[in-house]
Amino acid sequence: MPKQHIIRPGDSLANIAYENGLLAQTVWDSPDNQALRDKRPDMNILMPGDVLVIPDKRLRKSAIATGQRHRFRLKDVPHMFRLQLFADESYVY
């Protein structure tokens, strides 16, 4: 469920989005923020008391083939994620 954030002095859209694991443009372009976009055409100029709606994160599912190498890219702050799978030698196929 989307949540509302009331802008305080020193807040920025980029920081609020980062704290919620979203891109600033994703938060700004949310349909729930249309009234704020009409009031403030620049996302970098917010005033104390403005109400910003932070949308829910959208889950992405990918159907991929097994036995191949796949690369996933996160379009945000760089993060490192490594996954290594091992076959259990005692398992009988």
N, C-alpha and C. Protein backbone atom coordinates (compact mmCIF):
# COMPACT_ATOMS: atom_id res chain seq x y z
N MET A 1 0.85 -1.18 0.00
CA MET A 1 0.00 0.00 0.00
C MET A 1 0.89 1.23 0.00
N PRO A 2 0.65 2.18 -0.92
CA PRO A 2 1.47 3.39 -0.96
C PRO A 2 1.38 4.15 0.36
N LYS A 3 2.49 4.81 0.71
CA LYS A 3 2.48 5.60 1.94
C LYS A 3 2.76 7.05 1.62
N GLN A 4 2.31 7.91 2.50
CA GLN A 4 2.50 9.34 2.30
C GLN A 4 3.66 9.84 3.15
N HIS A 5 4.42 10.77 2.60
CA HIS A 5 5.53 11.39 3.31
C HIS A 5 5.32 12.90 3.24
N ILE A 6 5.27 13.54 4.38
CA ILE A 6 5.14 14.99 4.42
C ILE A 6 6.55 15.58 4.41
N ILE A 7 6.81 16.43 3.43
CA ILE A 7 8.13 17.01 3.25
C ILE A 7 8.47 17.93 4.42
N ARG A 8 9.69 17.73 4.94
CA ARG A 8 10.22 18.57 6.03
C ARG A 8 11.42 19.34 5.49
N PRO A 9 11.83 20.40 6.18
CA PRO A 9 13.03 21.12 5.72
C PRO A 9 14.22 20.17 5.62
N GLY A 10 14.94 20.25 4.51
CA GLY A 10 16.11 19.41 4.30
C GLY A 10 15.81 18.12 3.55
N ASP A 11 14.54 17.77 3.36
CA ASP A 11 14.18 16.56 2.61
C ASP A 11 14.42 16.78 1.12
N SER A 12 14.77 15.72 0.45
CA SER A 12 14.85 15.77 -1.01
C SER A 12 14.21 14.50 -1.55
N LEU A 13 13.67 14.62 -2.73
CA LEU A 13 13.01 13.47 -3.36
C LEU A 13 14.00 12.33 -3.55
N ALA A 14 15.23 12.66 -3.93
CA ALA A 14 16.24 11.62 -4.16
C ALA A 14 16.51 10.84 -2.88
N ASN A 15 16.64 11.52 -1.76
CA ASN A 15 16.91 10.84 -0.49
C ASN A 15 15.72 10.01 -0.02
N ILE A 16 14.53 10.55 -0.17
CA ILE A 16 13.33 9.82 0.25
C ILE A 16 13.18 8.55 -0.59
N ALA A 17 13.38 8.68 -1.90
CA ALA A 17 13.28 7.51 -2.78
C ALA A 17 14.34 6.48 -2.43
N TYR A 18 15.58 6.92 -2.20
CA TYR A 18 16.67 6.00 -1.86
C TYR A 18 16.37 5.24 -0.56
N GLU A 19 15.86 5.94 0.43
CA GLU A 19 15.53 5.30 1.72
C GLU A 19 14.45 4.24 1.56
N ASN A 20 13.62 4.38 0.53
CA ASN A 20 12.54 3.43 0.29
C ASN A 20 12.88 2.43 -0.80
N GLY A 21 14.13 2.44 -1.28
CA GLY A 21 14.57 1.47 -2.26
C GLY A 21 14.02 1.69 -3.66
N LEU A 22 13.74 2.95 -3.99
CA LEU A 22 13.17 3.28 -5.29
C LEU A 22 14.01 4.35 -5.97
N LEU A 23 13.82 4.48 -7.28
CA LEU A 23 14.44 5.58 -8.01
C LEU A 23 13.59 6.84 -7.82
N ALA A 24 14.25 7.99 -7.81
CA ALA A 24 13.53 9.25 -7.64
C ALA A 24 12.49 9.44 -8.74
N GLN A 25 12.86 9.10 -9.97
CA GLN A 25 11.94 9.27 -11.10
C GLN A 25 10.72 8.36 -10.96
N THR A 26 10.89 7.18 -10.39
CA THR A 26 9.77 6.26 -10.18
C THR A 26 8.77 6.86 -9.20
N VAL A 27 9.27 7.45 -8.12
CA VAL A 27 8.39 8.07 -7.12
C VAL A 27 7.70 9.27 -7.75
N TRP A 28 8.46 10.12 -8.43
CA TRP A 28 7.91 11.34 -9.01
C TRP A 28 6.84 11.03 -10.06
N ASP A 29 7.06 10.01 -10.87
CA ASP A 29 6.13 9.68 -11.96
C ASP A 29 4.91 8.88 -11.52
N SER A 30 4.84 8.53 -10.25
CA SER A 30 3.69 7.78 -9.76
C SER A 30 2.40 8.58 -9.99
N PRO A 31 1.34 7.92 -10.48
CA PRO A 31 0.08 8.63 -10.70
C PRO A 31 -0.46 9.29 -9.44
N ASP A 32 -0.12 8.74 -8.27
CA ASP A 32 -0.59 9.31 -7.01
C ASP A 32 0.04 10.67 -6.72
N ASN A 33 1.12 11.02 -7.41
CA ASN A 33 1.78 12.30 -7.20
C ASN A 33 1.42 13.34 -8.26
N GLN A 34 0.35 13.11 -9.02
CA GLN A 34 -0.04 14.03 -10.08
C GLN A 34 -0.32 15.43 -9.54
N ALA A 35 -1.04 15.52 -8.42
CA ALA A 35 -1.36 16.83 -7.84
C ALA A 35 -0.08 17.57 -7.44
N LEU A 36 0.89 16.85 -6.90
CA LEU A 36 2.15 17.48 -6.51
C LEU A 36 2.93 17.92 -7.75
N ARG A 37 2.90 17.12 -8.81
CA ARG A 37 3.59 17.51 -10.06
C ARG A 37 2.94 18.76 -10.67
N ASP A 38 1.61 18.88 -10.54
CA ASP A 38 0.93 20.07 -11.05
C ASP A 38 1.32 21.31 -10.24
N LYS A 39 1.51 21.11 -8.95
CA LYS A 39 1.85 22.22 -8.06
C LYS A 39 3.32 22.60 -8.16
N ARG A 40 4.20 21.60 -8.30
CA ARG A 40 5.65 21.81 -8.36
C ARG A 40 6.18 21.11 -9.61
N PRO A 41 6.40 21.83 -10.69
CA PRO A 41 6.84 21.19 -11.93
C PRO A 41 8.24 20.58 -11.86
N ASP A 42 9.06 20.98 -10.91
CA ASP A 42 10.42 20.45 -10.78
C ASP A 42 10.50 19.58 -9.53
N MET A 43 10.91 18.31 -9.71
CA MET A 43 10.97 17.40 -8.57
C MET A 43 12.04 17.79 -7.56
N ASN A 44 12.95 18.66 -7.94
CA ASN A 44 14.02 19.08 -7.02
C ASN A 44 13.63 20.30 -6.20
N ILE A 45 12.44 20.82 -6.41
CA ILE A 45 11.98 21.98 -5.64
C ILE A 45 10.70 21.60 -4.91
N LEU A 46 10.86 21.05 -3.73
CA LEU A 46 9.72 20.70 -2.88
C LEU A 46 9.73 21.62 -1.67
N MET A 47 8.58 21.91 -1.15
CA MET A 47 8.46 22.81 -0.01
C MET A 47 7.97 22.03 1.21
N PRO A 48 8.39 22.46 2.42
CA PRO A 48 7.88 21.82 3.63
C PRO A 48 6.35 21.84 3.64
N GLY A 49 5.78 20.71 3.98
CA GLY A 49 4.33 20.56 4.00
C GLY A 49 3.78 19.87 2.77
N ASP A 50 4.55 19.82 1.68
CA ASP A 50 4.10 19.08 0.51
C ASP A 50 3.96 17.60 0.87
N VAL A 51 2.97 16.95 0.28
CA VAL A 51 2.73 15.53 0.54
C VAL A 51 3.19 14.73 -0.66
N LEU A 52 4.14 13.84 -0.44
CA LEU A 52 4.68 12.98 -1.48
C LEU A 52 4.19 11.56 -1.22
N VAL A 53 3.65 10.92 -2.24
CA VAL A 53 3.18 9.54 -2.11
C VAL A 53 4.29 8.62 -2.60
N ILE A 54 4.67 7.68 -1.75
CA ILE A 54 5.72 6.72 -2.09
C ILE A 54 5.03 5.42 -2.51
N PRO A 55 5.15 5.05 -3.78
CA PRO A 55 4.45 3.85 -4.26
C PRO A 55 5.09 2.58 -3.73
N ASP A 56 4.35 1.50 -3.81
CA ASP A 56 4.88 0.19 -3.44
C ASP A 56 5.91 -0.24 -4.47
N LYS A 57 6.82 -1.08 -4.03
CA LYS A 57 7.78 -1.67 -4.97
C LYS A 57 7.05 -2.68 -5.83
N ARG A 58 7.44 -2.75 -7.09
CA ARG A 58 6.86 -3.74 -8.00
C ARG A 58 7.83 -4.91 -8.09
N LEU A 59 7.31 -6.10 -7.96
CA LEU A 59 8.13 -7.29 -8.09
C LEU A 59 8.25 -7.66 -9.55
N ARG A 60 9.42 -8.11 -9.92
CA ARG A 60 9.65 -8.53 -11.30
C ARG A 60 9.97 -10.02 -11.29
N LYS A 61 9.31 -10.76 -12.15
CA LYS A 61 9.57 -12.18 -12.27
C LYS A 61 10.20 -12.44 -13.62
N SER A 62 11.17 -13.36 -13.65
CA SER A 62 11.83 -13.71 -14.89
C SER A 62 11.84 -15.22 -15.04
N ALA A 63 11.40 -15.68 -16.18
CA ALA A 63 11.48 -17.10 -16.49
C ALA A 63 12.78 -17.32 -17.25
N ILE A 64 13.69 -18.10 -16.66
CA ILE A 64 14.99 -18.31 -17.28
C ILE A 64 15.28 -19.80 -17.38
N ALA A 65 16.16 -20.13 -18.30
CA ALA A 65 16.53 -21.53 -18.52
C ALA A 65 17.57 -21.96 -17.50
N THR A 66 17.53 -23.21 -17.11
CA THR A 66 18.53 -23.74 -16.20
C THR A 66 19.76 -24.17 -17.00
N GLY A 67 20.86 -24.33 -16.32
CA GLY A 67 22.08 -24.79 -16.97
C GLY A 67 22.78 -23.72 -17.78
N GLN A 68 22.38 -22.48 -17.61
CA GLN A 68 23.00 -21.37 -18.33
C GLN A 68 23.37 -20.27 -17.35
N ARG A 69 24.23 -19.39 -17.80
CA ARG A 69 24.63 -18.26 -16.98
C ARG A 69 23.73 -17.07 -17.31
N HIS A 70 23.26 -16.36 -16.31
CA HIS A 70 22.35 -15.24 -16.50
C HIS A 70 22.89 -14.03 -15.74
N ARG A 71 22.66 -12.86 -16.28
CA ARG A 71 23.09 -11.62 -15.64
C ARG A 71 21.87 -10.73 -15.42
N PHE A 72 21.70 -10.29 -14.18
CA PHE A 72 20.62 -9.38 -13.84
C PHE A 72 21.24 -8.05 -13.45
N ARG A 73 20.61 -6.97 -13.86
CA ARG A 73 21.13 -5.64 -13.56
C ARG A 73 20.08 -4.86 -12.78
N LEU A 74 20.53 -4.24 -11.72
CA LEU A 74 19.69 -3.39 -10.89
C LEU A 74 19.87 -1.96 -11.35
N LYS A 75 18.82 -1.30 -11.74
CA LYS A 75 18.91 0.07 -12.25
C LYS A 75 18.80 1.06 -11.10
N ASP A 76 19.80 1.07 -10.25
CA ASP A 76 19.78 1.95 -9.09
C ASP A 76 21.19 2.03 -8.55
N VAL A 77 21.30 2.26 -7.29
CA VAL A 77 22.59 2.31 -6.63
C VAL A 77 23.25 0.95 -6.78
N PRO A 78 24.51 0.89 -7.21
CA PRO A 78 25.16 -0.41 -7.43
C PRO A 78 25.20 -1.26 -6.15
N HIS A 79 24.86 -2.51 -6.31
CA HIS A 79 24.91 -3.49 -5.23
C HIS A 79 25.60 -4.74 -5.77
N MET A 80 26.23 -5.49 -4.90
CA MET A 80 26.85 -6.74 -5.32
C MET A 80 26.02 -7.89 -4.76
N PHE A 81 25.66 -8.80 -5.62
CA PHE A 81 24.92 -9.98 -5.21
C PHE A 81 25.55 -11.17 -5.91
N ARG A 82 25.99 -12.12 -5.14
CA ARG A 82 26.58 -13.33 -5.71
C ARG A 82 25.81 -14.54 -5.20
N LEU A 83 25.62 -15.47 -6.10
CA LEU A 83 24.93 -16.71 -5.76
C LEU A 83 25.72 -17.85 -6.36
N GLN A 84 26.06 -18.81 -5.54
CA GLN A 84 26.79 -19.97 -6.02
C GLN A 84 26.07 -21.21 -5.51
N LEU A 85 25.75 -22.11 -6.41
CA LEU A 85 25.03 -23.33 -6.07
C LEU A 85 25.97 -24.52 -6.20
N PHE A 86 25.85 -25.45 -5.28
CA PHE A 86 26.67 -26.64 -5.29
C PHE A 86 25.77 -27.87 -5.36
N ALA A 87 26.22 -28.86 -6.08
CA ALA A 87 25.49 -30.13 -6.15
C ALA A 87 25.88 -30.95 -4.92
N ASP A 88 24.89 -31.53 -4.30
CA ASP A 88 25.14 -32.40 -3.15
C ASP A 88 25.59 -33.75 -3.67
N GLU A 89 26.84 -34.12 -3.34
CA GLU A 89 27.43 -35.37 -3.88
C GLU A 89 26.69 -36.61 -3.39
N SER A 90 26.02 -36.53 -2.27
CA SER A 90 25.32 -37.71 -1.75
C SER A 90 23.93 -37.88 -2.40
N TYR A 91 23.50 -36.93 -3.16
CA TYR A 91 22.18 -37.01 -3.78
C TYR A 91 22.23 -37.98 -4.96
N VAL A 92 21.27 -38.87 -5.04
CA VAL A 92 21.21 -39.85 -6.12
C VAL A 92 20.25 -39.33 -7.19
N TYR A 93 20.73 -39.28 -8.43
CA TYR A 93 19.91 -38.76 -9.53
C TYR A 93 19.08 -39.85 -10.13
